[in-house]
Amino acid sequence: MYFNFIPQPFNEIVNDLLISVFGWIAEEESQKKSERIKLAVRKKDGKKTVSYKGNKWGRKSLSKQTVDKVMELHLQGLSLRKIAENVQKWDNGNSKNISKSVVHKIIIQKEREKQCF
């Protein structure tokens, strides 16, 4: 770059000016991107987040059968690890074991639902 050839008292001023300009440009681009995303995303019925085309965003929920199987194994006293090894979900035609964190999330959610009733 040619900034090194600027005389001594002005090189720091020019460097600070360029950093400020580039920072301002980056902030403007970030705001424009944020506005575009806000235009594309809509809340439907106050619950689901959908795109402007109506496609649902987020993870697909687990089937009732999967949740029931997790709770059944939990009531039998199995550990989270054992439950995760025994319960499978179908994703795009492929069978996968669910993770321990999903097992934990299901159990906590069901226990909270019981406390509300």
PDB file of N, CA and C in Angstrom:
ATOM      1  N   MET A   1       0.828  -1.179   0.000  1.00  0.00           N
ATOM      2  CA  MET A   1       0.000   0.000   0.000  1.00  0.00           C
ATOM      3  C   MET A   1       0.875   1.247   0.000  1.00  0.00           C
ATOM      4  N   TYR A   2       0.286   2.324  -0.430  1.00  0.00           N
ATOM      5  CA  TYR A   2       1.001   3.587  -0.534  1.00  0.00           C
ATOM      6  C   TYR A   2       0.839   4.461   0.711  1.00  0.00           C
ATOM      7  N   PHE A   3       0.200   3.944   1.742  1.00  0.00           N
ATOM      8  CA  PHE A   3      -0.009   4.742   2.942  1.00  0.00           C
ATOM      9  C   PHE A   3       1.306   5.011   3.667  1.00  0.00           C
ATOM     10  N   ASN A   4       2.264   4.154   3.444  1.00  0.00           N
ATOM     11  CA  ASN A   4       3.546   4.325   4.121  1.00  0.00           C
ATOM     12  C   ASN A   4       4.324   5.531   3.596  1.00  0.00           C
ATOM     13  N   PHE A   5       3.967   6.015   2.406  1.00  0.00           N
ATOM     14  CA  PHE A   5       4.684   7.131   1.805  1.00  0.00           C
ATOM     15  C   PHE A   5       4.062   8.481   2.141  1.00  0.00           C
ATOM     16  N   ILE A   6       3.030   8.497   2.963  1.00  0.00           N
ATOM     17  CA  ILE A   6       2.420   9.756   3.377  1.00  0.00           C
ATOM     18  C   ILE A   6       3.330  10.385   4.428  1.00  0.00           C
ATOM     19  N   PRO A   7       3.540  11.707   4.345  1.00  0.00           N
ATOM     20  CA  PRO A   7       4.432  12.354   5.327  1.00  0.00           C
ATOM     21  C   PRO A   7       3.979  12.095   6.766  1.00  0.00           C
ATOM     22  N   GLN A   8       4.922  12.148   7.665  1.00  0.00           N
ATOM     23  CA  GLN A   8       4.768  11.754   9.056  1.00  0.00           C
ATOM     24  C   GLN A   8       3.562  12.326   9.780  1.00  0.00           C
ATOM     25  N   PRO A   9       3.277  13.573   9.841  1.00  0.00           N
ATOM     26  CA  PRO A   9       2.147  13.978  10.685  1.00  0.00           C
ATOM     27  C   PRO A   9       0.796  13.552  10.122  1.00  0.00           C
ATOM     28  N   PHE A  10       0.729  13.272   8.807  1.00  0.00           N
ATOM     29  CA  PHE A  10      -0.559  12.966   8.188  1.00  0.00           C
ATOM     30  C   PHE A  10      -0.861  11.472   8.093  1.00  0.00           C
ATOM     31  N   ASN A  11       0.139  10.610   8.206  1.00  0.00           N
ATOM     32  CA  ASN A  11      -0.099   9.176   8.040  1.00  0.00           C
ATOM     33  C   ASN A  11      -1.022   8.610   9.112  1.00  0.00           C
ATOM     34  N   GLU A  12      -0.915   9.066  10.353  1.00  0.00           N
ATOM     35  CA  GLU A  12      -1.806   8.587  11.412  1.00  0.00           C
ATOM     36  C   GLU A  12      -3.230   9.093  11.193  1.00  0.00           C
ATOM     37  N   ILE A  13      -3.358  10.318  10.731  1.00  0.00           N
ATOM     38  CA  ILE A  13      -4.679  10.890  10.461  1.00  0.00           C
ATOM     39  C   ILE A  13      -5.366  10.109   9.345  1.00  0.00           C
ATOM     40  N   VAL A  14      -4.630   9.808   8.276  1.00  0.00           N
ATOM     41  CA  VAL A  14      -5.194   9.061   7.150  1.00  0.00           C
ATOM     42  C   VAL A  14      -5.558   7.641   7.580  1.00  0.00           C
ATOM     43  N   ASN A  15      -4.700   7.003   8.361  1.00  0.00           N
ATOM     44  CA  ASN A  15      -5.004   5.646   8.843  1.00  0.00           C
ATOM     45  C   ASN A  15      -6.273   5.643   9.695  1.00  0.00           C
ATOM     46  N   ASP A  16      -6.404   6.571  10.619  1.00  0.00           N
ATOM     47  CA  ASP A  16      -7.604   6.669  11.458  1.00  0.00           C
ATOM     48  C   ASP A  16      -8.846   6.946  10.620  1.00  0.00           C
ATOM     49  N   LEU A  17      -8.698   7.804   9.624  1.00  0.00           N
ATOM     50  CA  LEU A  17      -9.822   8.129   8.747  1.00  0.00           C
ATOM     51  C   LEU A  17     -10.281   6.890   7.975  1.00  0.00           C
ATOM     52  N   LEU A  18      -9.335   6.139   7.428  1.00  0.00           N
ATOM     53  CA  LEU A  18      -9.688   4.939   6.657  1.00  0.00           C
ATOM     54  C   LEU A  18     -10.349   3.885   7.541  1.00  0.00           C
ATOM     55  N   ILE A  19      -9.828   3.716   8.741  1.00  0.00           N
ATOM     56  CA  ILE A  19     -10.434   2.743   9.665  1.00  0.00           C
ATOM     57  C   ILE A  19     -11.859   3.163  10.001  1.00  0.00           C
ATOM     58  N   SER A  20     -12.077   4.436  10.223  1.00  0.00           N
ATOM     59  CA  SER A  20     -13.426   4.926  10.524  1.00  0.00           C
ATOM     60  C   SER A  20     -14.373   4.725   9.349  1.00  0.00           C
ATOM     61  N   VAL A  21     -13.896   5.014   8.146  1.00  0.00           N
ATOM     62  CA  VAL A  21     -14.736   4.855   6.946  1.00  0.00           C
ATOM     63  C   VAL A  21     -15.094   3.390   6.737  1.00  0.00           C
ATOM     64  N   PHE A  22     -14.111   2.506   6.849  1.00  0.00           N
ATOM     65  CA  PHE A  22     -14.395   1.082   6.663  1.00  0.00           C
ATOM     66  C   PHE A  22     -15.330   0.556   7.742  1.00  0.00           C
ATOM     67  N   GLY A  23     -15.182   1.034   8.963  1.00  0.00           N
ATOM     68  CA  GLY A  23     -16.096   0.639  10.040  1.00  0.00           C
ATOM     69  C   GLY A  23     -17.511   1.098   9.769  1.00  0.00           C
ATOM     70  N   TRP A  24     -17.663   2.327   9.264  1.00  0.00           N
ATOM     71  CA  TRP A  24     -18.990   2.864   8.928  1.00  0.00           C
ATOM     72  C   TRP A  24     -19.628   2.041   7.817  1.00  0.00           C
ATOM     73  N   ILE A  25     -18.845   1.701   6.788  1.00  0.00           N
ATOM     74  CA  ILE A  25     -19.369   0.885   5.682  1.00  0.00           C
ATOM     75  C   ILE A  25     -19.821  -0.476   6.193  1.00  0.00           C
ATOM     76  N   ALA A  26     -19.048  -1.090   7.070  1.00  0.00           N
ATOM     77  CA  ALA A  26     -19.414  -2.404   7.618  1.00  0.00           C
ATOM     78  C   ALA A  26     -20.704  -2.323   8.422  1.00  0.00           C
ATOM     79  N   GLU A  27     -20.876  -1.269   9.213  1.00  0.00           N
ATOM     80  CA  GLU A  27     -22.113  -1.102   9.985  1.00  0.00           C
ATOM     81  C   GLU A  27     -23.320  -0.932   9.071  1.00  0.00           C
ATOM     82  N   GLU A  28     -23.162  -0.149   8.009  1.00  0.00           N
ATOM     83  CA  GLU A  28     -24.254   0.062   7.056  1.00  0.00           C
ATOM     84  C   GLU A  28     -24.660  -1.249   6.395  1.00  0.00           C
ATOM     85  N   GLU A  29     -23.683  -2.037   5.979  1.00  0.00           N
ATOM     86  CA  GLU A  29     -23.977  -3.328   5.349  1.00  0.00           C
ATOM     87  C   GLU A  29     -24.679  -4.261   6.328  1.00  0.00           C
ATOM     88  N   SER A  30     -24.260  -4.241   7.583  1.00  0.00           N
ATOM     89  CA  SER A  30     -24.891  -5.085   8.594  1.00  0.00           C
ATOM     90  C   SER A  30     -26.347  -4.680   8.809  1.00  0.00           C
ATOM     91  N   GLN A  31     -26.616  -3.384   8.841  1.00  0.00           N
ATOM     92  CA  GLN A  31     -27.998  -2.909   9.009  1.00  0.00           C
ATOM     93  C   GLN A  31     -28.861  -3.291   7.816  1.00  0.00           C
ATOM     94  N   LYS A  32     -28.320  -3.166   6.606  1.00  0.00           N
ATOM     95  CA  LYS A  32     -29.076  -3.530   5.407  1.00  0.00           C
ATOM     96  C   LYS A  32     -29.413  -5.020   5.415  1.00  0.00           C
ATOM     97  N   LYS A  33     -28.443  -5.836   5.801  1.00  0.00           N
ATOM     98  CA  LYS A  33     -28.676  -7.283   5.866  1.00  0.00           C
ATOM     99  C   LYS A  33     -29.750  -7.604   6.903  1.00  0.00           C
ATOM    100  N   SER A  34     -29.684  -6.954   8.058  1.00  0.00           N
ATOM    101  CA  SER A  34     -30.664  -7.164   9.111  1.00  0.00           C
ATOM    102  C   SER A  34     -32.065  -6.790   8.636  1.00  0.00           C
ATOM    103  N   GLU A  35     -32.170  -5.676   7.927  1.00  0.00           N
ATOM    104  CA  GLU A  35     -33.473  -5.249   7.410  1.00  0.00           C
ATOM    105  C   GLU A  35     -34.026  -6.233   6.387  1.00  0.00           C
ATOM    106  N   ARG A  36     -33.153  -6.760   5.528  1.00  0.00           N
ATOM    107  CA  ARG A  36     -33.612  -7.743   4.537  1.00  0.00           C
ATOM    108  C   ARG A  36     -34.129  -9.004   5.217  1.00  0.00           C
ATOM    109  N   ILE A  37     -33.438  -9.441   6.263  1.00  0.00           N
ATOM    110  CA  ILE A  37     -33.871 -10.642   6.979  1.00  0.00           C
ATOM    111  C   ILE A  37     -35.197 -10.395   7.681  1.00  0.00           C
ATOM    112  N   LYS A  38     -35.347  -9.224   8.288  1.00  0.00           N
ATOM    113  CA  LYS A  38     -36.605  -8.908   8.966  1.00  0.00           C
ATOM    114  C   LYS A  38     -37.771  -8.863   7.996  1.00  0.00           C
ATOM    115  N   LEU A  39     -37.522  -8.430   6.759  1.00  0.00           N
ATOM    116  CA  LEU A  39     -38.580  -8.411   5.749  1.00  0.00           C
ATOM    117  C   LEU A  39     -38.966  -9.823   5.312  1.00  0.00           C
ATOM    118  N   ALA A  40     -37.996 -10.739   5.322  1.00  0.00           N
ATOM    119  CA  ALA A  40     -38.240 -12.091   4.852  1.00  0.00           C
ATOM    120  C   ALA A  40     -38.888 -12.983   5.905  1.00  0.00           C
ATOM    121  N   VAL A  41     -38.734 -12.636   7.182  1.00  0.00           N
ATOM    122  CA  VAL A  41     -39.225 -13.488   8.267  1.00  0.00           C
ATOM    123  C   VAL A  41     -40.506 -12.900   8.830  1.00  0.00           C
ATOM    124  N   ARG A  42     -41.473 -13.767   9.043  1.00  0.00           N
ATOM    125  CA  ARG A  42     -42.745 -13.322   9.615  1.00  0.00           C
ATOM    126  C   ARG A  42     -43.177 -14.305  10.702  1.00  0.00           C
ATOM    127  N   LYS A  43     -43.830 -13.783  11.716  1.00  0.00           N
ATOM    128  CA  LYS A  43     -44.425 -14.636  12.742  1.00  0.00           C
ATOM    129  C   LYS A  43     -45.832 -14.968  12.303  1.00  0.00           C
ATOM    130  N   LYS A  44     -46.183 -16.235  12.372  1.00  0.00           N
ATOM    131  CA  LYS A  44     -47.508 -16.670  11.963  1.00  0.00           C
ATOM    132  C   LYS A  44     -48.287 -17.096  13.196  1.00  0.00           C
ATOM    133  N   ASP A  45     -49.410 -16.486  13.419  1.00  0.00           N
ATOM    134  CA  ASP A  45     -50.274 -16.792  14.568  1.00  0.00           C
ATOM    135  C   ASP A  45     -49.546 -16.573  15.892  1.00  0.00           C
ATOM    136  N   GLY A  46     -48.483 -15.790  15.882  1.00  0.00           N
ATOM    137  CA  GLY A  46     -47.739 -15.524  17.103  1.00  0.00           C
ATOM    138  C   GLY A  46     -46.950 -16.713  17.618  1.00  0.00           C
ATOM    139  N   LYS A  47     -46.890 -17.798  16.857  1.00  0.00           N
ATOM    140  CA  LYS A  47     -46.219 -19.005  17.329  1.00  0.00           C
ATOM    141  C   LYS A  47     -45.041 -19.380  16.438  1.00  0.00           C
ATOM    142  N   LYS A  48     -45.343 -19.698  15.186  1.00  0.00           N
ATOM    143  CA  LYS A  48     -44.329 -20.207  14.284  1.00  0.00           C
ATOM    144  C   LYS A  48     -43.635 -19.062  13.551  1.00  0.00           C
ATOM    145  N   THR A  49     -42.374 -19.268  13.248  1.00  0.00           N
ATOM    146  CA  THR A  49     -41.641 -18.341  12.405  1.00  0.00           C
ATOM    147  C   THR A  49     -41.585 -18.956  11.013  1.00  0.00           C
ATOM    148  N   VAL A  50     -42.039 -18.189  10.034  1.00  0.00           N
ATOM    149  CA  VAL A  50     -42.074 -18.697   8.665  1.00  0.00           C
ATOM    150  C   VAL A  50     -41.397 -17.699   7.742  1.00  0.00           C
ATOM    151  N   SER A  51     -40.954 -18.191   6.590  1.00  0.00           N
ATOM    152  CA  SER A  51     -40.362 -17.314   5.594  1.00  0.00           C
ATOM    153  C   SER A  51     -41.468 -16.595   4.846  1.00  0.00           C
ATOM    154  N   TYR A  52     -41.087 -15.654   3.992  1.00  0.00           N
ATOM    155  CA  TYR A  52     -42.093 -14.923   3.227  1.00  0.00           C
ATOM    156  C   TYR A  52     -42.837 -15.838   2.262  1.00  0.00           C
ATOM    157  N   LYS A  53     -42.264 -17.005   1.959  1.00  0.00           N
ATOM    158  CA  LYS A  53     -42.932 -17.987   1.099  1.00  0.00           C
ATOM    159  C   LYS A  53     -43.859 -18.905   1.894  1.00  0.00           C
ATOM    160  N   GLY A  54     -43.803 -18.834   3.213  1.00  0.00           N
ATOM    161  CA  GLY A  54     -44.651 -19.670   4.052  1.00  0.00           C
ATOM    162  C   GLY A  54     -43.975 -20.924   4.563  1.00  0.00           C
ATOM    163  N   ASN A  55     -42.686 -21.110   4.277  1.00  0.00           N
ATOM    164  CA  ASN A  55     -41.968 -22.274   4.764  1.00  0.00           C
ATOM    165  C   ASN A  55     -41.642 -22.109   6.238  1.00  0.00           C
ATOM    166  N   LYS A  56     -41.835 -23.170   7.010  1.00  0.00           N
ATOM    167  CA  LYS A  56     -41.573 -23.129   8.445  1.00  0.00           C
ATOM    168  C   LYS A  56     -40.074 -23.180   8.697  1.00  0.00           C
ATOM    169  N   TRP A  57     -39.605 -22.374   9.644  1.00  0.00           N
ATOM    170  CA  TRP A  57     -38.202 -22.363  10.023  1.00  0.00           C
ATOM    171  C   TRP A  57     -38.019 -23.168  11.291  1.00  0.00           C
ATOM    172  N   GLY A  58     -36.806 -23.640  11.509  1.00  0.00           N
ATOM    173  CA  GLY A  58     -36.475 -24.334  12.741  1.00  0.00           C
ATOM    174  C   GLY A  58     -36.424 -25.840  12.559  1.00  0.00           C
ATOM    175  N   ARG A  59     -36.140 -26.506  13.638  1.00  0.00           N
ATOM    176  CA  ARG A  59     -36.035 -27.961  13.603  1.00  0.00           C
ATOM    177  C   ARG A  59     -37.405 -28.601  13.547  1.00  0.00           C
ATOM    178  N   LYS A  60     -37.450 -29.753  12.909  1.00  0.00           N
ATOM    179  CA  LYS A  60     -38.691 -30.522  12.895  1.00  0.00           C
ATOM    180  C   LYS A  60     -38.890 -31.110  14.288  1.00  0.00           C
ATOM    181  N   SER A  61     -40.128 -31.137  14.717  1.00  0.00           N
ATOM    182  CA  SER A  61     -40.401 -31.690  16.040  1.00  0.00           C
ATOM    183  C   SER A  61     -40.311 -33.215  15.983  1.00  0.00           C
ATOM    184  N   LEU A  62     -40.069 -33.804  17.147  1.00  0.00           N
ATOM    185  CA  LEU A  62     -39.993 -35.263  17.233  1.00  0.00           C
ATOM    186  C   LEU A  62     -41.400 -35.849  17.220  1.00  0.00           C
ATOM    187  N   SER A  63     -41.501 -37.059  16.716  1.00  0.00           N
ATOM    188  CA  SER A  63     -42.808 -37.701  16.658  1.00  0.00           C
ATOM    189  C   SER A  63     -43.273 -38.071  18.066  1.00  0.00           C
ATOM    190  N   LYS A  64     -44.571 -38.223  18.214  1.00  0.00           N
ATOM    191  CA  LYS A  64     -45.151 -38.603  19.509  1.00  0.00           C
ATOM    192  C   LYS A  64     -44.639 -39.974  19.927  1.00  0.00           C
ATOM    193  N   GLN A  65     -44.440 -40.857  18.966  1.00  0.00           N
ATOM    194  CA  GLN A  65     -43.932 -42.199  19.272  1.00  0.00           C
ATOM    195  C   GLN A  65     -42.536 -42.127  19.901  1.00  0.00           C
ATOM    196  N   THR A  66     -41.689 -41.245  19.375  1.00  0.00           N
ATOM    197  CA  THR A  66     -40.335 -41.097  19.913  1.00  0.00           C
ATOM    198  C   THR A  66     -40.381 -40.566  21.340  1.00  0.00           C
ATOM    199  N   VAL A  67     -41.197 -39.549  21.563  1.00  0.00           N
ATOM    200  CA  VAL A  67     -41.319 -38.961  22.904  1.00  0.00           C
ATOM    201  C   VAL A  67     -41.878 -39.996  23.880  1.00  0.00           C
ATOM    202  N   ASP A  68     -42.890 -40.744  23.463  1.00  0.00           N
ATOM    203  CA  ASP A  68     -43.474 -41.774  24.340  1.00  0.00           C
ATOM    204  C   ASP A  68     -42.466 -42.864  24.675  1.00  0.00           C
ATOM    205  N   LYS A  69     -41.651 -43.262  23.690  1.00  0.00           N
ATOM    206  CA  LYS A  69     -40.642 -44.301  23.920  1.00  0.00           C
ATOM    207  C   LYS A  69     -39.591 -43.805  24.918  1.00  0.00           C
ATOM    208  N   VAL A  70     -39.170 -42.542  24.792  1.00  0.00           N
ATOM    209  CA  VAL A  70     -38.196 -41.965  25.732  1.00  0.00           C
ATOM    210  C   VAL A  70     -38.767 -41.975  27.143  1.00  0.00           C
ATOM    211  N   MET A  71     -40.007 -41.538  27.297  1.00  0.00           N
ATOM    212  CA  MET A  71     -40.607 -41.484  28.633  1.00  0.00           C
ATOM    213  C   MET A  71     -40.814 -42.884  29.203  1.00  0.00           C
ATOM    214  N   GLU A  72     -41.166 -43.829  28.357  1.00  0.00           N
ATOM    215  CA  GLU A  72     -41.338 -45.211  28.819  1.00  0.00           C
ATOM    216  C   GLU A  72     -40.027 -45.757  29.371  1.00  0.00           C
ATOM    217  N   LEU A  73     -38.928 -45.545  28.635  1.00  0.00           N
ATOM    218  CA  LEU A  73     -37.624 -46.034  29.089  1.00  0.00           C
ATOM    219  C   LEU A  73     -37.146 -45.275  30.326  1.00  0.00           C
ATOM    220  N   HIS A  74     -37.482 -43.994  30.413  1.00  0.00           N
ATOM    221  CA  HIS A  74     -37.111 -43.202  31.593  1.00  0.00           C
ATOM    222  C   HIS A  74     -37.827 -43.728  32.841  1.00  0.00           C
ATOM    223  N   LEU A  75     -39.096 -44.074  32.695  1.00  0.00           N
ATOM    224  CA  LEU A  75     -39.853 -44.607  33.828  1.00  0.00           C
ATOM    225  C   LEU A  75     -39.351 -45.986  34.247  1.00  0.00           C
ATOM    226  N   GLN A  76     -38.689 -46.708  33.322  1.00  0.00           N
ATOM    227  CA  GLN A  76     -38.094 -48.001  33.663  1.00  0.00           C
ATOM    228  C   GLN A  76     -36.776 -47.816  34.412  1.00  0.00           C
ATOM    229  N   GLY A  77     -36.279 -46.582  34.468  1.00  0.00           N
ATOM    230  CA  GLY A  77     -35.061 -46.311  35.234  1.00  0.00           C
ATOM    231  C   GLY A  77     -33.780 -46.336  34.415  1.00  0.00           C
ATOM    232  N   LEU A  78     -33.865 -46.348  33.102  1.00  0.00           N
ATOM    233  CA  LEU A  78     -32.659 -46.357  32.283  1.00  0.00           C
ATOM    234  C   LEU A  78     -31.980 -44.993  32.311  1.00  0.00           C
ATOM    235  N   SER A  79     -30.670 -44.994  32.105  1.00  0.00           N
ATOM    236  CA  SER A  79     -29.908 -43.742  32.081  1.00  0.00           C
ATOM    237  C   SER A  79     -30.146 -43.020  30.746  1.00  0.00           C
ATOM    238  N   LEU A  80     -29.759 -41.762  30.724  1.00  0.00           N
ATOM    239  CA  LEU A  80     -29.911 -40.987  29.495  1.00  0.00           C
ATOM    240  C   LEU A  80     -29.154 -41.635  28.342  1.00  0.00           C
ATOM    241  N   ARG A  81     -27.961 -42.116  28.629  1.00  0.00           N
ATOM    242  CA  ARG A  81     -27.135 -42.756  27.599  1.00  0.00           C
ATOM    243  C   ARG A  81     -27.822 -44.003  27.028  1.00  0.00           C
ATOM    244  N   LYS A  82     -28.378 -44.840  27.906  1.00  0.00           N
ATOM    245  CA  LYS A  82     -29.052 -46.066  27.454  1.00  0.00           C
ATOM    246  C   LYS A  82     -30.314 -45.740  26.655  1.00  0.00           C
ATOM    247  N   ILE A  83     -31.031 -44.721  27.102  1.00  0.00           N
ATOM    248  CA  ILE A  83     -32.235 -44.321  26.364  1.00  0.00           C
ATOM    249  C   ILE A  83     -31.847 -43.841  24.970  1.00  0.00           C
ATOM    250  N   ALA A  84     -30.791 -43.033  24.887  1.00  0.00           N
ATOM    251  CA  ALA A  84     -30.346 -42.517  23.591  1.00  0.00           C
ATOM    252  C   ALA A  84     -29.906 -43.643  22.659  1.00  0.00           C
ATOM    253  N   GLU A  85     -29.312 -44.680  23.219  1.00  0.00           N
ATOM    254  CA  GLU A  85     -28.880 -45.823  22.397  1.00  0.00           C
ATOM    255  C   GLU A  85     -30.065 -46.638  21.885  1.00  0.00           C
ATOM    256  N   ASN A  86     -31.176 -46.655  22.632  1.00  0.00           N
ATOM    257  CA  ASN A  86     -32.316 -47.502  22.283  1.00  0.00           C
ATOM    258  C   ASN A  86     -33.390 -46.817  21.446  1.00  0.00           C
ATOM    259  N   VAL A  87     -33.409 -45.491  21.427  1.00  0.00           N
ATOM    260  CA  VAL A  87     -34.470 -44.772  20.714  1.00  0.00           C
ATOM    261  C   VAL A  87     -33.907 -44.208  19.417  1.00  0.00           C
ATOM    262  N   GLN A  88     -34.641 -44.463  18.330  1.00  0.00           N
ATOM    263  CA  GLN A  88     -34.211 -43.963  17.029  1.00  0.00           C
ATOM    264  C   GLN A  88     -35.276 -43.061  16.438  1.00  0.00           C
ATOM    265  N   LYS A  89     -34.834 -42.132  15.605  1.00  0.00           N
ATOM    266  CA  LYS A  89     -35.761 -41.273  14.875  1.00  0.00           C
ATOM    267  C   LYS A  89     -35.473 -41.436  13.391  1.00  0.00           C
ATOM    268  N   TRP A  90     -36.459 -41.115  12.587  1.00  0.00           N
ATOM    269  CA  TRP A  90     -36.301 -41.196  11.135  1.00  0.00           C
ATOM    270  C   TRP A  90     -36.113 -39.807  10.585  1.00  0.00           C
ATOM    271  N   ASP A  91     -35.045 -39.638   9.798  1.00  0.00           N
ATOM    272  CA  ASP A  91     -34.739 -38.345   9.205  1.00  0.00           C
ATOM    273  C   ASP A  91     -34.405 -38.563   7.734  1.00  0.00           C
ATOM    274  N   ASN A  92     -35.283 -38.086   6.863  1.00  0.00           N
ATOM    275  CA  ASN A  92     -35.108 -38.250   5.417  1.00  0.00           C
ATOM    276  C   ASN A  92     -34.929 -39.714   5.017  1.00  0.00           C
ATOM    277  N   GLY A  93     -35.687 -40.577   5.638  1.00  0.00           N
ATOM    278  CA  GLY A  93     -35.647 -41.999   5.315  1.00  0.00           C
ATOM    279  C   GLY A  93     -34.521 -42.764   5.984  1.00  0.00           C
ATOM    280  N   ASN A  94     -33.710 -42.111   6.791  1.00  0.00           N
ATOM    281  CA  ASN A  94     -32.609 -42.763   7.490  1.00  0.00           C
ATOM    282  C   ASN A  94     -32.915 -42.835   8.972  1.00  0.00           C
ATOM    283  N   SER A  95     -32.523 -43.940   9.572  1.00  0.00           N
ATOM    284  CA  SER A  95     -32.727 -44.126  11.000  1.00  0.00           C
ATOM    285  C   SER A  95     -31.491 -43.649  11.751  1.00  0.00           C
ATOM    286  N   LYS A  96     -31.707 -42.835  12.788  1.00  0.00           N
ATOM    287  CA  LYS A  96     -30.612 -42.322  13.612  1.00  0.00           C
ATOM    288  C   LYS A  96     -30.978 -42.449  15.077  1.00  0.00           C
ATOM    289  N   ASN A  97     -29.973 -42.670  15.910  1.00  0.00           N
ATOM    290  CA  ASN A  97     -30.199 -42.615  17.344  1.00  0.00           C
ATOM    291  C   ASN A  97     -30.334 -41.150  17.753  1.00  0.00           C
ATOM    292  N   ILE A  98     -31.196 -40.892  18.714  1.00  0.00           N
ATOM    293  CA  ILE A  98     -31.318 -39.522  19.193  1.00  0.00           C
ATOM    294  C   ILE A  98     -30.170 -39.250  20.164  1.00  0.00           C
ATOM    295  N   SER A  99     -29.856 -37.988  20.376  1.00  0.00           N
ATOM    296  CA  SER A  99     -28.740 -37.631  21.249  1.00  0.00           C
ATOM    297  C   SER A  99     -29.176 -37.625  22.713  1.00  0.00           C
ATOM    298  N   LYS A 100     -28.179 -37.649  23.597  1.00  0.00           N
ATOM    299  CA  LYS A 100     -28.464 -37.588  25.034  1.00  0.00           C
ATOM    300  C   LYS A 100     -29.110 -36.265  25.401  1.00  0.00           C
ATOM    301  N   SER A 101     -28.701 -35.194  24.725  1.00  0.00           N
ATOM    302  CA  SER A 101     -29.284 -33.888  25.033  1.00  0.00           C
ATOM    303  C   SER A 101     -30.759 -33.834  24.646  1.00  0.00           C
ATOM    304  N   VAL A 102     -31.136 -34.509  23.572  1.00  0.00           N
ATOM    305  CA  VAL A 102     -32.549 -34.561  23.174  1.00  0.00           C
ATOM    306  C   VAL A 102     -33.344 -35.361  24.197  1.00  0.00           C
ATOM    307  N   VAL A 103     -32.767 -36.454  24.672  1.00  0.00           N
ATOM    308  CA  VAL A 103     -33.427 -37.257  25.708  1.00  0.00           C
ATOM    309  C   VAL A 103     -33.650 -36.399  26.953  1.00  0.00           C
ATOM    310  N   HIS A 104     -32.612 -35.685  27.366  1.00  0.00           N
ATOM    311  CA  HIS A 104     -32.721 -34.824  28.543  1.00  0.00           C
ATOM    312  C   HIS A 104     -33.784 -33.753  28.336  1.00  0.00           C
ATOM    313  N   LYS A 105     -33.799 -33.154  27.167  1.00  0.00           N
ATOM    314  CA  LYS A 105     -34.769 -32.099  26.868  1.00  0.00           C
ATOM    315  C   LYS A 105     -36.201 -32.637  26.932  1.00  0.00           C
ATOM    316  N   ILE A 106     -36.428 -33.818  26.388  1.00  0.00           N
ATOM    317  CA  ILE A 106     -37.771 -34.426  26.411  1.00  0.00           C
ATOM    318  C   ILE A 106     -38.213 -34.686  27.846  1.00  0.00           C
ATOM    319  N   ILE A 107     -37.321 -35.256  28.637  1.00  0.00           N
ATOM    320  CA  ILE A 107     -37.665 -35.596  30.024  1.00  0.00           C
ATOM    321  C   ILE A 107     -37.980 -34.336  30.824  1.00  0.00           C
ATOM    322  N   ILE A 108     -37.150 -33.321  30.701  1.00  0.00           N
ATOM    323  CA  ILE A 108     -37.370 -32.061  31.428  1.00  0.00           C
ATOM    324  C   ILE A 108     -38.680 -31.423  30.995  1.00  0.00           C
ATOM    325  N   GLN A 109     -38.931 -31.418  29.687  1.00  0.00           N
ATOM    326  CA  GLN A 109     -40.163 -30.810  29.171  1.00  0.00           C
ATOM    327  C   GLN A 109     -41.403 -31.536  29.697  1.00  0.00           C
ATOM    328  N   LYS A 110     -41.373 -32.849  29.704  1.00  0.00           N
ATOM    329  CA  LYS A 110     -42.521 -33.622  30.195  1.00  0.00           C
ATOM    330  C   LYS A 110     -42.722 -33.428  31.695  1.00  0.00           C
ATOM    331  N   GLU A 111     -41.637 -33.337  32.435  1.00  0.00           N
ATOM    332  CA  GLU A 111     -41.769 -33.108  33.881  1.00  0.00           C
ATOM    333  C   GLU A 111     -42.348 -31.716  34.162  1.00  0.00           C
ATOM    334  N   ARG A 112     -41.968 -30.728  33.380  1.00  0.00           N
ATOM    335  CA  ARG A 112     -42.559 -29.388  33.542  1.00  0.00           C
ATOM    336  C   ARG A 112     -44.032 -29.387  33.212  1.00  0.00           C
ATOM    337  N   GLU A 113     -44.422 -30.140  32.193  1.00  0.00           N
ATOM    338  CA  GLU A 113     -45.842 -30.224  31.833  1.00  0.00           C
ATOM    339  C   GLU A 113     -46.640 -30.859  32.959  1.00  0.00           C
ATOM    340  N   LYS A 114     -46.072 -31.850  33.631  1.00  0.00           N
ATOM    341  CA  LYS A 114     -46.759 -32.496  34.753  1.00  0.00           C
ATOM    342  C   LYS A 114     -46.931 -31.521  35.920  1.00  0.00           C
ATOM    343  N   GLN A 115     -45.926 -30.675  36.152  1.00  0.00           N
ATOM    344  CA  GLN A 115     -45.993 -29.720  37.247  1.00  0.00           C
ATOM    345  C   GLN A 115     -47.056 -28.664  37.002  1.00  0.00           C
ATOM    346  N   CYS A 116     -47.287 -28.326  35.736  1.00  0.00           N
ATOM    347  CA  CYS A 116     -48.308 -27.305  35.416  1.00  0.00           C
ATOM    348  C   CYS A 116     -49.716 -27.814  35.668  1.00  0.00           C
ATOM    349  N   PHE A 117     -49.904 -29.116  35.557  1.00  0.00           N
ATOM    350  CA  PHE A 117     -51.266 -29.669  35.719  1.00  0.00           C
ATOM    351  C   PHE A 117     -51.500 -30.132  37.097  1.00  0.00           C
TER     352      PHE A 117
END
